[in-house]
PDB file of N, CA and C in Angstrom:
ATOM      1  N   MET A   1     -16.462 -74.488  51.255  1.00  0.00           N
ATOM      2  CA  MET A   1     -17.261 -73.659  50.476  1.00  0.00           C
ATOM      3  C   MET A   1     -16.865 -74.051  49.078  1.00  0.00           C
ATOM      4  N   PRO A   2     -17.881 -73.905  48.063  1.00  0.00           N
ATOM      5  CA  PRO A   2     -17.479 -74.130  46.606  1.00  0.00           C
ATOM      6  C   PRO A   2     -16.780 -72.979  46.250  1.00  0.00           C
ATOM      7  N   GLN A   3     -15.965 -73.322  45.146  1.00  0.00           N
ATOM      8  CA  GLN A   3     -15.117 -72.287  44.565  1.00  0.00           C
ATOM      9  C   GLN A   3     -16.249 -71.948  43.315  1.00  0.00           C
ATOM     10  N   ASP A   4     -16.103 -70.600  43.203  1.00  0.00           N
ATOM     11  CA  ASP A   4     -16.777 -69.999  41.853  1.00  0.00           C
ATOM     12  C   ASP A   4     -16.233 -70.143  40.592  1.00  0.00           C
ATOM     13  N   LEU A   5     -16.687 -70.845  39.807  1.00  0.00           N
ATOM     14  CA  LEU A   5     -16.185 -71.445  38.447  1.00  0.00           C
ATOM     15  C   LEU A   5     -17.072 -70.635  37.525  1.00  0.00           C
ATOM     16  N   PRO A   6     -16.507 -70.606  36.185  1.00  0.00           N
ATOM     17  CA  PRO A   6     -17.279 -70.137  34.861  1.00  0.00           C
ATOM     18  C   PRO A   6     -18.264 -71.250  34.580  1.00  0.00           C
ATOM     19  N   PRO A   7     -19.349 -70.853  33.830  1.00  0.00           N
ATOM     20  CA  PRO A   7     -20.494 -71.759  33.394  1.00  0.00           C
ATOM     21  C   PRO A   7     -19.672 -72.812  32.460  1.00  0.00           C
ATOM     22  N   VAL A   8     -20.418 -73.815  32.422  1.00  0.00           N
ATOM     23  CA  VAL A   8     -19.893 -75.034  31.933  1.00  0.00           C
ATOM     24  C   VAL A   8     -19.812 -74.928  30.357  1.00  0.00           C
ATOM     25  N   GLY A   9     -20.594 -74.178  29.879  1.00  0.00           N
ATOM     26  CA  GLY A   9     -20.744 -74.005  28.425  1.00  0.00           C
ATOM     27  C   GLY A   9     -19.633 -72.878  27.936  1.00  0.00           C
ATOM     28  N   GLY A  10     -19.243 -72.081  28.994  1.00  0.00           N
ATOM     29  CA  GLY A  10     -18.443 -70.767  28.793  1.00  0.00           C
ATOM     30  C   GLY A  10     -19.214 -69.683  28.712  1.00  0.00           C
ATOM     31  N   TYR A  11     -18.403 -68.746  28.194  1.00  0.00           N
ATOM     32  CA  TYR A  11     -19.212 -67.366  28.311  1.00  0.00           C
ATOM     33  C   TYR A  11     -19.555 -67.108  26.986  1.00  0.00           C
ATOM     34  N   GLY A  12     -19.076 -67.712  25.886  1.00  0.00           N
ATOM     35  CA  GLY A  12     -19.379 -67.356  24.577  1.00  0.00           C
ATOM     36  C   GLY A  12     -18.446 -66.777  24.069  1.00  0.00           C
ATOM     37  N   PRO A  13     -18.676 -65.678  22.980  1.00  0.00           N
ATOM     38  CA  PRO A  13     -17.472 -64.904  22.192  1.00  0.00           C
ATOM     39  C   PRO A  13     -17.449 -63.867  23.205  1.00  0.00           C
ATOM     40  N   VAL A  14     -16.064 -63.536  23.622  1.00  0.00           N
ATOM     41  CA  VAL A  14     -15.999 -62.497  24.376  1.00  0.00           C
ATOM     42  C   VAL A  14     -16.190 -60.936  23.869  1.00  0.00           C
ATOM     43  N   GLN A  15     -17.042 -60.307  24.623  1.00  0.00           N
ATOM     44  CA  GLN A  15     -17.794 -59.150  23.912  1.00  0.00           C
ATOM     45  C   GLN A  15     -16.578 -58.046  24.473  1.00  0.00           C
ATOM     46  N   TYR A  16     -15.750 -57.389  23.609  1.00  0.00           N
ATOM     47  CA  TYR A  16     -14.925 -56.308  24.079  1.00  0.00           C
ATOM     48  C   TYR A  16     -15.259 -54.922  23.586  1.00  0.00           C
ATOM     49  N   LYS A  17     -16.295 -54.970  22.737  1.00  0.00           N
ATOM     50  CA  LYS A  17     -16.833 -53.443  22.252  1.00  0.00           C
ATOM     51  C   LYS A  17     -18.194 -53.172  23.029  1.00  0.00           C
ATOM     52  N   ARG A  18     -18.404 -51.990  23.407  1.00  0.00           N
ATOM     53  CA  ARG A  18     -19.309 -51.265  24.036  1.00  0.00           C
ATOM     54  C   ARG A  18     -20.440 -50.934  22.849  1.00  0.00           C
ATOM     55  N   ASN A  19     -21.437 -51.317  23.282  1.00  0.00           N
ATOM     56  CA  ASN A  19     -22.885 -50.795  22.384  1.00  0.00           C
ATOM     57  C   ASN A  19     -23.086 -49.307  22.452  1.00  0.00           C
ATOM     58  N   LEU A  20     -22.252 -48.615  22.127  1.00  0.00           N
ATOM     59  CA  LEU A  20     -22.618 -47.158  22.219  1.00  0.00           C
ATOM     60  C   LEU A  20     -22.659 -46.575  20.788  1.00  0.00           C
ATOM     61  N   PRO A  21     -23.547 -45.620  20.547  1.00  0.00           N
ATOM     62  CA  PRO A  21     -23.193 -44.886  19.417  1.00  0.00           C
ATOM     63  C   PRO A  21     -22.288 -44.160  19.075  1.00  0.00           C
ATOM     64  N   ALA A  22     -21.730 -44.099  18.048  1.00  0.00           N
ATOM     65  CA  ALA A  22     -20.365 -43.382  17.785  1.00  0.00           C
ATOM     66  C   ALA A  22     -20.753 -41.622  18.012  1.00  0.00           C
ATOM     67  N   PRO A  23     -19.652 -40.858  18.647  1.00  0.00           N
ATOM     68  CA  PRO A  23     -19.997 -39.715  18.817  1.00  0.00           C
ATOM     69  C   PRO A  23     -19.807 -38.745  17.717  1.00  0.00           C
ATOM     70  N   GLY A  24     -20.551 -37.718  17.459  1.00  0.00           N
ATOM     71  CA  GLY A  24     -20.482 -37.032  16.443  1.00  0.00           C
ATOM     72  C   GLY A  24     -21.015 -37.436  15.201  1.00  0.00           C
ATOM     73  N   PHE A  25     -20.727 -36.839  13.838  1.00  0.00           N
ATOM     74  CA  PHE A  25     -21.449 -37.290  12.549  1.00  0.00           C
ATOM     75  C   PHE A  25     -20.294 -38.372  12.033  1.00  0.00           C
ATOM     76  N   ARG A  26     -21.066 -39.141  11.183  1.00  0.00           N
ATOM     77  CA  ARG A  26     -20.348 -40.032  10.416  1.00  0.00           C
ATOM     78  C   ARG A  26     -19.454 -39.423   9.500  1.00  0.00           C
ATOM     79  N   PRO A  27     -17.999 -39.990   9.148  1.00  0.00           N
ATOM     80  CA  PRO A  27     -17.096 -39.221   8.122  1.00  0.00           C
ATOM     81  C   PRO A  27     -17.639 -38.937   6.988  1.00  0.00           C
ATOM     82  N   ALA A  28     -18.635 -39.671   6.301  1.00  0.00           N
ATOM     83  CA  ALA A  28     -18.993 -39.464   4.946  1.00  0.00           C
ATOM     84  C   ALA A  28     -19.881 -38.215   4.827  1.00  0.00           C
ATOM     85  N   THR A  29     -20.632 -37.972   6.258  1.00  0.00           N
ATOM     86  CA  THR A  29     -21.623 -36.856   6.300  1.00  0.00           C
ATOM     87  C   THR A  29     -20.836 -35.644   6.565  1.00  0.00           C
ATOM     88  N   LEU A  30     -19.704 -35.656   7.364  1.00  0.00           N
ATOM     89  CA  LEU A  30     -18.669 -34.436   7.497  1.00  0.00           C
ATOM     90  C   LEU A  30     -18.123 -34.292   6.005  1.00  0.00           C
ATOM     91  N   LEU A  31     -17.751 -35.311   5.263  1.00  0.00           N
ATOM     92  CA  LEU A  31     -17.009 -34.909   4.005  1.00  0.00           C
ATOM     93  C   LEU A  31     -18.111 -34.092   3.046  1.00  0.00           C
ATOM     94  N   LEU A  32     -19.312 -34.690   2.959  1.00  0.00           N
ATOM     95  CA  LEU A  32     -20.341 -33.974   2.271  1.00  0.00           C
ATOM     96  C   LEU A  32     -20.662 -32.687   2.689  1.00  0.00           C
ATOM     97  N   ALA A  33     -20.583 -32.421   3.783  1.00  0.00           N
ATOM     98  CA  ALA A  33     -21.072 -31.152   4.381  1.00  0.00           C
ATOM     99  C   ALA A  33     -19.779 -30.267   3.983  1.00  0.00           C
ATOM    100  N   MET A  34     -18.560 -30.497   4.067  1.00  0.00           N
ATOM    101  CA  MET A  34     -17.377 -29.831   3.973  1.00  0.00           C
ATOM    102  C   MET A  34     -17.380 -29.450   2.319  1.00  0.00           C
ATOM    103  N   GLY A  35     -17.756 -30.417   1.507  1.00  0.00           N
ATOM    104  CA  GLY A  35     -17.832 -30.370   0.067  1.00  0.00           C
ATOM    105  C   GLY A  35     -18.825 -29.312  -0.437  1.00  0.00           C
ATOM    106  N   ALA A  36     -19.952 -29.404   0.478  1.00  0.00           N
ATOM    107  CA  ALA A  36     -21.079 -28.439   0.027  1.00  0.00           C
ATOM    108  C   ALA A  36     -20.790 -27.020   0.388  1.00  0.00           C
ATOM    109  N   VAL A  37     -19.800 -26.837   1.595  1.00  0.00           N
ATOM    110  CA  VAL A  37     -19.715 -25.391   2.037  1.00  0.00           C
ATOM    111  C   VAL A  37     -18.565 -25.016   1.069  1.00  0.00           C
ATOM    112  N   MET A  38     -17.625 -25.745   0.721  1.00  0.00           N
ATOM    113  CA  MET A  38     -16.589 -25.349  -0.260  1.00  0.00           C
ATOM    114  C   MET A  38     -17.047 -25.034  -1.686  1.00  0.00           C
ATOM    115  N   THR A  39     -17.938 -25.931  -2.081  1.00  0.00           N
ATOM    116  CA  THR A  39     -18.706 -25.523  -3.451  1.00  0.00           C
ATOM    117  C   THR A  39     -19.352 -23.996  -3.340  1.00  0.00           C
ATOM    118  N   PHE A  40     -20.138 -24.053  -2.322  1.00  0.00           N
ATOM    119  CA  PHE A  40     -20.730 -22.604  -2.194  1.00  0.00           C
ATOM    120  C   PHE A  40     -19.704 -21.319  -2.056  1.00  0.00           C
ATOM    121  N   GLY A  41     -18.693 -21.694  -1.590  1.00  0.00           N
ATOM    122  CA  GLY A  41     -17.549 -20.524  -1.293  1.00  0.00           C
ATOM    123  C   GLY A  41     -16.846 -20.293  -2.732  1.00  0.00           C
ATOM    124  N   PHE A  42     -16.658 -21.368  -3.617  1.00  0.00           N
ATOM    125  CA  PHE A  42     -16.047 -21.259  -4.662  1.00  0.00           C
ATOM    126  C   PHE A  42     -17.045 -20.343  -5.590  1.00  0.00           C
ATOM    127  N   TYR A  43     -18.479 -20.784  -5.691  1.00  0.00           N
ATOM    128  CA  TYR A  43     -19.268 -20.300  -6.215  1.00  0.00           C
ATOM    129  C   TYR A  43     -19.296 -18.627  -5.987  1.00  0.00           C
ATOM    130  N   LYS A  44     -19.400 -18.176  -4.787  1.00  0.00           N
ATOM    131  CA  LYS A  44     -19.330 -16.823  -4.398  1.00  0.00           C
ATOM    132  C   LYS A  44     -18.057 -16.193  -4.852  1.00  0.00           C
ATOM    133  N   LEU A  45     -16.965 -16.906  -4.568  1.00  0.00           N
ATOM    134  CA  LEU A  45     -15.592 -16.148  -5.138  1.00  0.00           C
ATOM    135  C   LEU A  45     -15.844 -15.972  -6.595  1.00  0.00           C
ATOM    136  N   GLY A  46     -16.389 -16.807  -7.632  1.00  0.00           N
ATOM    137  CA  GLY A  46     -16.109 -16.813  -8.947  1.00  0.00           C
ATOM    138  C   GLY A  46     -17.201 -15.507  -9.213  1.00  0.00           C
ATOM    139  N   GLN A  47     -18.451 -15.293  -8.566  1.00  0.00           N
ATOM    140  CA  GLN A  47     -19.299 -14.261  -8.670  1.00  0.00           C
ATOM    141  C   GLN A  47     -18.478 -13.141  -8.395  1.00  0.00           C
ATOM    142  N   GLY A  48     -17.614 -12.976  -7.316  1.00  0.00           N
ATOM    143  CA  GLY A  48     -17.006 -11.717  -6.761  1.00  0.00           C
ATOM    144  C   GLY A  48     -16.280 -11.388  -7.857  1.00  0.00           C
ATOM    145  N   ILE A  49     -15.187 -12.248  -8.502  1.00  0.00           N
ATOM    146  CA  ILE A  49     -14.349 -12.224  -9.508  1.00  0.00           C
ATOM    147  C   ILE A  49     -14.901 -11.465 -10.887  1.00  0.00           C
ATOM    148  N   ARG A  50     -16.166 -12.099 -11.274  1.00  0.00           N
ATOM    149  CA  ARG A  50     -16.687 -11.545 -12.074  1.00  0.00           C
ATOM    150  C   ARG A  50     -17.255  -9.904 -12.011  1.00  0.00           C
ATOM    151  N   GLU A  51     -17.801  -9.794 -10.983  1.00  0.00           N
ATOM    152  CA  GLU A  51     -18.121  -8.301 -10.474  1.00  0.00           C
ATOM    153  C   GLU A  51     -17.093  -7.498 -10.622  1.00  0.00           C
ATOM    154  N   GLN A  52     -15.834  -7.970  -9.993  1.00  0.00           N
ATOM    155  CA  GLN A  52     -14.644  -6.907 -10.233  1.00  0.00           C
ATOM    156  C   GLN A  52     -14.080  -6.695 -11.432  1.00  0.00           C
ATOM    157  N   ASN A  53     -14.238  -7.819 -12.433  1.00  0.00           N
ATOM    158  CA  ASN A  53     -13.944  -7.628 -14.001  1.00  0.00           C
ATOM    159  C   ASN A  53     -14.971  -6.597 -14.429  1.00  0.00           C
ATOM    160  N   GLU A  54     -16.145  -6.854 -14.203  1.00  0.00           N
ATOM    161  CA  GLU A  54     -17.182  -5.844 -14.710  1.00  0.00           C
ATOM    162  C   GLU A  54     -16.926  -4.544 -14.276  1.00  0.00           C
ATOM    163  N   LEU A  55     -16.634  -4.263 -12.973  1.00  0.00           N
ATOM    164  CA  LEU A  55     -16.424  -2.786 -12.448  1.00  0.00           C
ATOM    165  C   LEU A  55     -15.085  -2.245 -13.191  1.00  0.00           C
ATOM    166  N   ALA A  56     -13.859  -3.100 -13.546  1.00  0.00           N
ATOM    167  CA  ALA A  56     -12.862  -2.753 -14.038  1.00  0.00           C
ATOM    168  C   ALA A  56     -13.163  -2.355 -15.565  1.00  0.00           C
ATOM    169  N   ARG A  57     -13.900  -2.917 -16.080  1.00  0.00           N
ATOM    170  CA  ARG A  57     -14.219  -2.792 -17.539  1.00  0.00           C
ATOM    171  C   ARG A  57     -15.077  -1.443 -17.711  1.00  0.00           C
ATOM    172  N   GLU A  58     -15.777  -1.346 -16.625  1.00  0.00           N
ATOM    173  CA  GLU A  58     -16.796  -0.048 -16.824  1.00  0.00           C
ATOM    174  C   GLU A  58     -15.894   1.293 -16.352  1.00  0.00           C
ATOM    175  N   LYS A  59     -14.896   1.042 -15.592  1.00  0.00           N
ATOM    176  CA  LYS A  59     -14.045   2.148 -15.130  1.00  0.00           C
ATOM    177  C   LYS A  59     -13.356   2.329 -16.548  1.00  0.00           C
ATOM    178  N   MET A  60     -12.801   1.689 -17.160  1.00  0.00           N
ATOM    179  CA  MET A  60     -12.095   1.793 -18.319  1.00  0.00           C
ATOM    180  C   MET A  60     -12.702   2.333 -19.625  1.00  0.00           C
ATOM    181  N   TRP A  61     -14.009   1.930 -19.422  1.00  0.00           N
ATOM    182  CA  TRP A  61     -14.850   2.692 -20.451  1.00  0.00           C
ATOM    183  C   TRP A  61     -15.267   4.003 -20.370  1.00  0.00           C
ATOM    184  N   SER A  62     -15.474   4.484 -18.965  1.00  0.00           N
ATOM    185  CA  SER A  62     -15.644   5.671 -18.741  1.00  0.00           C
ATOM    186  C   SER A  62     -14.600   6.546 -18.763  1.00  0.00           C
ATOM    187  N   ARG A  63     -13.411   6.038 -18.539  1.00  0.00           N
ATOM    188  CA  ARG A  63     -12.201   6.808 -18.821  1.00  0.00           C
ATOM    189  C   ARG A  63     -11.958   7.094 -20.187  1.00  0.00           C
ATOM    190  N   ILE A  64     -12.277   6.254 -21.039  1.00  0.00           N
ATOM    191  CA  ILE A  64     -12.149   6.231 -22.630  1.00  0.00           C
ATOM    192  C   ILE A  64     -12.959   7.017 -22.984  1.00  0.00           C
ATOM    193  N   HIS A  65     -14.269   7.140 -22.623  1.00  0.00           N
ATOM    194  CA  HIS A  65     -15.262   8.418 -23.066  1.00  0.00           C
ATOM    195  C   HIS A  65     -15.015   9.788 -22.486  1.00  0.00           C
ATOM    196  N   LEU A  66     -14.298   9.886 -21.340  1.00  0.00           N
ATOM    197  CA  LEU A  66     -13.850  11.107 -20.982  1.00  0.00           C
ATOM    198  C   LEU A  66     -12.575  11.687 -21.512  1.00  0.00           C
ATOM    199  N   ILE A  67     -11.969  10.864 -22.401  1.00  0.00           N
ATOM    200  CA  ILE A  67     -10.662  11.641 -22.831  1.00  0.00           C
ATOM    201  C   ILE A  67     -10.891  12.699 -23.841  1.00  0.00           C
ATOM    202  N   PRO A  68     -11.737  12.576 -24.818  1.00  0.00           N
ATOM    203  CA  PRO A  68     -12.124  13.837 -25.421  1.00  0.00           C
ATOM    204  C   PRO A  68     -12.319  15.117 -24.652  1.00  0.00           C
ATOM    205  N   LEU A  69     -13.345  15.211 -23.894  1.00  0.00           N
ATOM    206  CA  LEU A  69     -13.587  16.134 -23.083  1.00  0.00           C
ATOM    207  C   LEU A  69     -12.496  16.753 -22.275  1.00  0.00           C
ATOM    208  N   LEU A  70     -11.627  15.724 -21.736  1.00  0.00           N
ATOM    209  CA  LEU A  70     -10.295  16.287 -20.891  1.00  0.00           C
ATOM    210  C   LEU A  70      -9.259  16.890 -21.904  1.00  0.00           C
ATOM    211  N   GLN A  71      -9.217  16.261 -23.053  1.00  0.00           N
ATOM    212  CA  GLN A  71      -8.321  16.930 -24.255  1.00  0.00           C
ATOM    213  C   GLN A  71      -8.699  18.132 -24.649  1.00  0.00           C
ATOM    214  N   ALA A  72     -10.178  18.400 -24.681  1.00  0.00           N
ATOM    215  CA  ALA A  72     -10.527  19.574 -25.087  1.00  0.00           C
ATOM    216  C   ALA A  72     -10.376  20.705 -24.015  1.00  0.00           C
ATOM    217  N   GLU A  73     -10.529  20.405 -22.731  1.00  0.00           N
ATOM    218  CA  GLU A  73     -10.329  21.187 -21.630  1.00  0.00           C
ATOM    219  C   GLU A  73      -8.547  21.647 -21.605  1.00  0.00           C
ATOM    220  N   GLU A  74      -7.860  20.787 -21.842  1.00  0.00           N
ATOM    221  CA  GLU A  74      -6.202  20.775 -22.022  1.00  0.00           C
ATOM    222  C   GLU A  74      -6.020  21.941 -23.096  1.00  0.00           C
ATOM    223  N   ASP A  75      -6.838  21.505 -24.238  1.00  0.00           N
ATOM    224  CA  ASP A  75      -6.456  22.685 -25.304  1.00  0.00           C
ATOM    225  C   ASP A  75      -6.920  23.958 -25.070  1.00  0.00           C
ATOM    226  N   ARG A  76      -7.820  24.090 -24.619  1.00  0.00           N
ATOM    227  CA  ARG A  76      -8.491  25.433 -24.178  1.00  0.00           C
ATOM    228  C   ARG A  76      -7.588  26.171 -23.207  1.00  0.00           C
ATOM    229  N   ASP A  77      -6.730  25.390 -22.212  1.00  0.00           N
ATOM    230  CA  ASP A  77      -5.890  26.025 -21.110  1.00  0.00           C
ATOM    231  C   ASP A  77      -4.598  26.485 -22.008  1.00  0.00           C
ATOM    232  N   LEU A  78      -4.158  25.552 -23.122  1.00  0.00           N
ATOM    233  CA  LEU A  78      -3.140  25.787 -23.720  1.00  0.00           C
ATOM    234  C   LEU A  78      -3.147  26.921 -24.502  1.00  0.00           C
ATOM    235  N   VAL A  79      -4.464  27.153 -25.208  1.00  0.00           N
ATOM    236  CA  VAL A  79      -4.757  28.311 -26.089  1.00  0.00           C
ATOM    237  C   VAL A  79      -4.359  29.651 -25.237  1.00  0.00           C
ATOM    238  N   ARG A  80      -5.343  29.434 -23.850  1.00  0.00           N
ATOM    239  CA  ARG A  80      -5.516  30.710 -22.890  1.00  0.00           C
ATOM    240  C   ARG A  80      -3.944  31.107 -22.596  1.00  0.00           C
ATOM    241  N   ARG A  81      -3.227  30.123 -22.142  1.00  0.00           N
ATOM    242  CA  ARG A  81      -1.805  30.416 -21.692  1.00  0.00           C
ATOM    243  C   ARG A  81      -0.962  30.873 -23.066  1.00  0.00           C
ATOM    244  N   HIS A  82      -1.093  30.498 -24.187  1.00  0.00           N
ATOM    245  CA  HIS A  82      -0.467  30.883 -25.337  1.00  0.00           C
ATOM    246  C   HIS A  82      -0.947  32.216 -25.779  1.00  0.00           C
ATOM    247  N   LEU A  83      -1.966  32.731 -25.702  1.00  0.00           N
ATOM    248  CA  LEU A  83      -2.419  34.238 -25.868  1.00  0.00           C
ATOM    249  C   LEU A  83      -1.964  35.019 -24.709  1.00  0.00           C
ATOM    250  N   ALA A  84      -1.878  34.592 -23.456  1.00  0.00           N
ATOM    251  CA  ALA A  84      -1.476  35.216 -22.364  1.00  0.00           C
ATOM    252  C   ALA A  84       0.296  35.554 -22.461  1.00  0.00           C
ATOM    253  N   ASP A  85       0.799  34.460 -23.070  1.00  0.00           N
ATOM    254  CA  ASP A  85       2.216  34.572 -23.175  1.00  0.00           C
ATOM    255  C   ASP A  85       2.490  35.663 -24.347  1.00  0.00           C
ATOM    256  N   GLN A  86       1.790  35.682 -25.080  1.00  0.00           N
ATOM    257  CA  GLN A  86       2.041  36.546 -26.573  1.00  0.00           C
ATOM    258  C   GLN A  86       1.745  37.964 -25.890  1.00  0.00           C
ATOM    259  N   ALA A  87       0.596  38.144 -25.093  1.00  0.00           N
ATOM    260  CA  ALA A  87       0.217  39.324 -24.778  1.00  0.00           C
ATOM    261  C   ALA A  87       1.220  40.037 -23.791  1.00  0.00           C
ATOM    262  N   ARG A  88       2.048  39.133 -22.994  1.00  0.00           N
ATOM    263  CA  ARG A  88       2.940  39.544 -21.867  1.00  0.00           C
ATOM    264  C   ARG A  88       4.260  39.893 -22.776  1.00  0.00           C
ATOM    265  N   GLU A  89       4.561  38.898 -23.897  1.00  0.00           N
ATOM    266  CA  GLU A  89       5.770  39.259 -24.697  1.00  0.00           C
ATOM    267  C   GLU A  89       5.702  40.714 -25.220  1.00  0.00           C
ATOM    268  N   LYS A  90       4.432  41.001 -25.871  1.00  0.00           N
ATOM    269  CA  LYS A  90       4.069  42.225 -26.391  1.00  0.00           C
ATOM    270  C   LYS A  90       4.406  43.404 -25.755  1.00  0.00           C
ATOM    271  N   GLU A  91       3.855  43.030 -24.469  1.00  0.00           N
ATOM    272  CA  GLU A  91       3.971  44.174 -23.538  1.00  0.00           C
ATOM    273  C   GLU A  91       5.451  44.611 -22.949  1.00  0.00           C
ATOM    274  N   LEU A  92       6.283  43.519 -22.993  1.00  0.00           N
ATOM    275  CA  LEU A  92       7.575  43.607 -22.518  1.00  0.00           C
ATOM    276  C   LEU A  92       8.663  44.132 -23.571  1.00  0.00           C
ATOM    277  N   LEU A  93       8.378  43.423 -24.573  1.00  0.00           N
ATOM    278  CA  LEU A  93       9.255  43.540 -25.985  1.00  0.00           C
ATOM    279  C   LEU A  93       8.654  44.561 -26.874  1.00  0.00           C
ATOM    280  N   GLY A  94       7.524  44.863 -26.900  1.00  0.00           N
ATOM    281  CA  GLY A  94       6.920  45.455 -27.983  1.00  0.00           C
ATOM    282  C   GLY A  94       6.546  44.808 -29.302  1.00  0.00           C
ATOM    283  N   GLU A  95       6.660  43.597 -29.335  1.00  0.00           N
ATOM    284  CA  GLU A  95       6.558  42.701 -30.601  1.00  0.00           C
ATOM    285  C   GLU A  95       6.687  41.360 -30.094  1.00  0.00           C
ATOM    286  N   ASN A  96       6.150  40.698 -31.099  1.00  0.00           N
ATOM    287  CA  ASN A  96       6.170  39.020 -30.966  1.00  0.00           C
ATOM    288  C   ASN A  96       7.158  38.366 -31.688  1.00  0.00           C
ATOM    289  N   THR A  97       8.181  37.662 -31.200  1.00  0.00           N
ATOM    290  CA  THR A  97       9.334  37.142 -31.790  1.00  0.00           C
ATOM    291  C   THR A  97       9.202  35.767 -31.990  1.00  0.00           C
ATOM    292  N   GLN A  98       9.556  35.263 -33.179  1.00  0.00           N
ATOM    293  CA  GLN A  98       9.656  33.678 -33.521  1.00  0.00           C
ATOM    294  C   GLN A  98      10.691  33.075 -32.669  1.00  0.00           C
ATOM    295  N   VAL A  99      10.501  32.173 -31.929  1.00  0.00           N
ATOM    296  CA  VAL A  99      11.672  31.248 -31.462  1.00  0.00           C
ATOM    297  C   VAL A  99      12.053  30.414 -32.068  1.00  0.00           C
ATOM    298  N   TYR A 100      10.984  29.681 -32.974  1.00  0.00           N
ATOM    299  CA  TYR A 100      11.424  28.500 -33.997  1.00  0.00           C
ATOM    300  C   TYR A 100      11.671  29.174 -35.435  1.00  0.00           C
ATOM    301  N   ASN A 101      12.404  28.534 -36.113  1.00  0.00           N
ATOM    302  CA  ASN A 101      12.557  28.995 -37.536  1.00  0.00           C
ATOM    303  C   ASN A 101      11.432  28.477 -38.450  1.00  0.00           C
ATOM    304  N   SER A 102      10.442  27.688 -37.913  1.00  0.00           N
ATOM    305  CA  SER A 102       9.363  27.286 -38.843  1.00  0.00           C
ATOM    306  C   SER A 102       8.248  28.177 -38.369  1.00  0.00           C
ATOM    307  N   GLY A 103       7.297  28.095 -39.164  1.00  0.00           N
ATOM    308  CA  GLY A 103       5.810  28.751 -38.944  1.00  0.00           C
ATOM    309  C   GLY A 103       4.977  27.783 -38.229  1.00  0.00           C
ATOM    310  N   LYS A 104       5.378  26.565 -37.689  1.00  0.00           N
ATOM    311  CA  LYS A 104       4.670  25.523 -37.001  1.00  0.00           C
ATOM    312  C   LYS A 104       4.120  25.786 -35.711  1.00  0.00           C
ATOM    313  N   TYR A 105       3.367  25.373 -35.033  1.00  0.00           N
ATOM    314  CA  TYR A 105       2.882  25.562 -33.824  1.00  0.00           C
ATOM    315  C   TYR A 105       3.734  24.564 -33.204  1.00  0.00           C
ATOM    316  N   VAL A 106       4.321  24.890 -31.981  1.00  0.00           N
ATOM    317  CA  VAL A 106       4.960  23.972 -31.282  1.00  0.00           C
ATOM    318  C   VAL A 106       4.357  23.830 -29.885  1.00  0.00           C
ATOM    319  N   ARG A 107       3.860  22.830 -29.469  1.00  0.00           N
ATOM    320  CA  ARG A 107       3.341  22.806 -28.120  1.00  0.00           C
ATOM    321  C   ARG A 107       4.162  22.906 -27.034  1.00  0.00           C
ATOM    322  N   PRO A 108       3.921  23.889 -26.289  1.00  0.00           N
ATOM    323  CA  PRO A 108       4.803  24.040 -24.939  1.00  0.00           C
ATOM    324  C   PRO A 108       4.757  23.135 -24.072  1.00  0.00           C
ATOM    325  N   THR A 109       5.597  22.818 -23.189  1.00  0.00           N
ATOM    326  CA  THR A 109       5.671  21.795 -22.339  1.00  0.00           C
ATOM    327  C   THR A 109       5.943  22.622 -21.056  1.00  0.00           C
ATOM    328  N   PHE A 110       5.074  22.462 -20.077  1.00  0.00           N
ATOM    329  CA  PHE A 110       4.835  22.921 -18.650  1.00  0.00           C
ATOM    330  C   PHE A 110       5.428  21.986 -17.576  1.00  0.00           C
ATOM    331  N   ALA A 111       6.183  22.086 -16.803  1.00  0.00           N
ATOM    332  CA  ALA A 111       6.726  21.353 -15.751  1.00  0.00           C
ATOM    333  C   ALA A 111       6.042  21.833 -14.437  1.00  0.00           C
ATOM    334  N   VAL A 112       5.095  20.999 -13.809  1.00  0.00           N
ATOM    335  CA  VAL A 112       4.354  21.325 -12.568  1.00  0.00           C
ATOM    336  C   VAL A 112       5.669  21.351 -11.409  1.00  0.00           C
ATOM    337  N   THR A 113       5.570  22.377 -10.764  1.00  0.00           N
ATOM    338  CA  THR A 113       6.535  22.280  -9.729  1.00  0.00           C
ATOM    339  C   THR A 113       5.879  22.608  -8.250  1.00  0.00           C
ATOM    340  N   PRO A 114       6.211  22.031  -7.132  1.00  0.00           N
ATOM    341  CA  PRO A 114       5.593  22.030  -5.765  1.00  0.00           C
ATOM    342  C   PRO A 114       6.045  23.707  -5.311  1.00  0.00           C
ATOM    343  N   SER A 115       4.891  24.229  -4.888  1.00  0.00           N
ATOM    344  CA  SER A 115       5.186  25.693  -4.377  1.00  0.00           C
ATOM    345  C   SER A 115       6.358  25.714  -3.300  1.00  0.00           C
ATOM    346  N   ASN A 116       6.225  24.782  -2.236  1.00  0.00           N
ATOM    347  CA  ASN A 116       7.307  24.828  -1.309  1.00  0.00           C
ATOM    348  C   ASN A 116       7.971  23.255  -1.072  1.00  0.00           C
ATOM    349  N   VAL A 117       9.286  23.432  -1.387  1.00  0.00           N
ATOM    350  CA  VAL A 117      10.069  22.225  -1.380  1.00  0.00           C
ATOM    351  C   VAL A 117      10.537  21.963   0.027  1.00  0.00           C
ATOM    352  N   THR A 118      10.478  20.589   0.581  1.00  0.00           N
ATOM    353  CA  THR A 118      10.785  20.217   1.650  1.00  0.00           C
ATOM    354  C   THR A 118      11.962  19.342   1.315  1.00  0.00           C
ATOM    355  N   LYS A 119      13.021  19.091   2.501  1.00  0.00           N
ATOM    356  CA  LYS A 119      14.144  18.368   2.203  1.00  0.00           C
ATOM    357  C   LYS A 119      14.036  17.408   3.144  1.00  0.00           C
TER     358      LYS A 119
END
């Protein structure tokens, strides 16, 4: 029985690679897609930061515009308290006394204390 031998001219170059398409996307495609997603994300982040800065600016200006109203309300409250204190003092002592030696108005300081103290 004759032995099975390779062909006389040989097989040619040895083919060690399979002719199959590479799975998935090419690296350049993945890199471009990732870059596009990150660019969009940074764009949206920048828009969000701008929006937060604008809201903070609006909040600050609204507080600045409310200061005169709050100051007037506090002044009315101080006048009401001052007149009530003078009336109470006149009722108890019979006359109003000067605490300070100058005729200047001294703004009173009130300390707000909690009604029930817990330890």
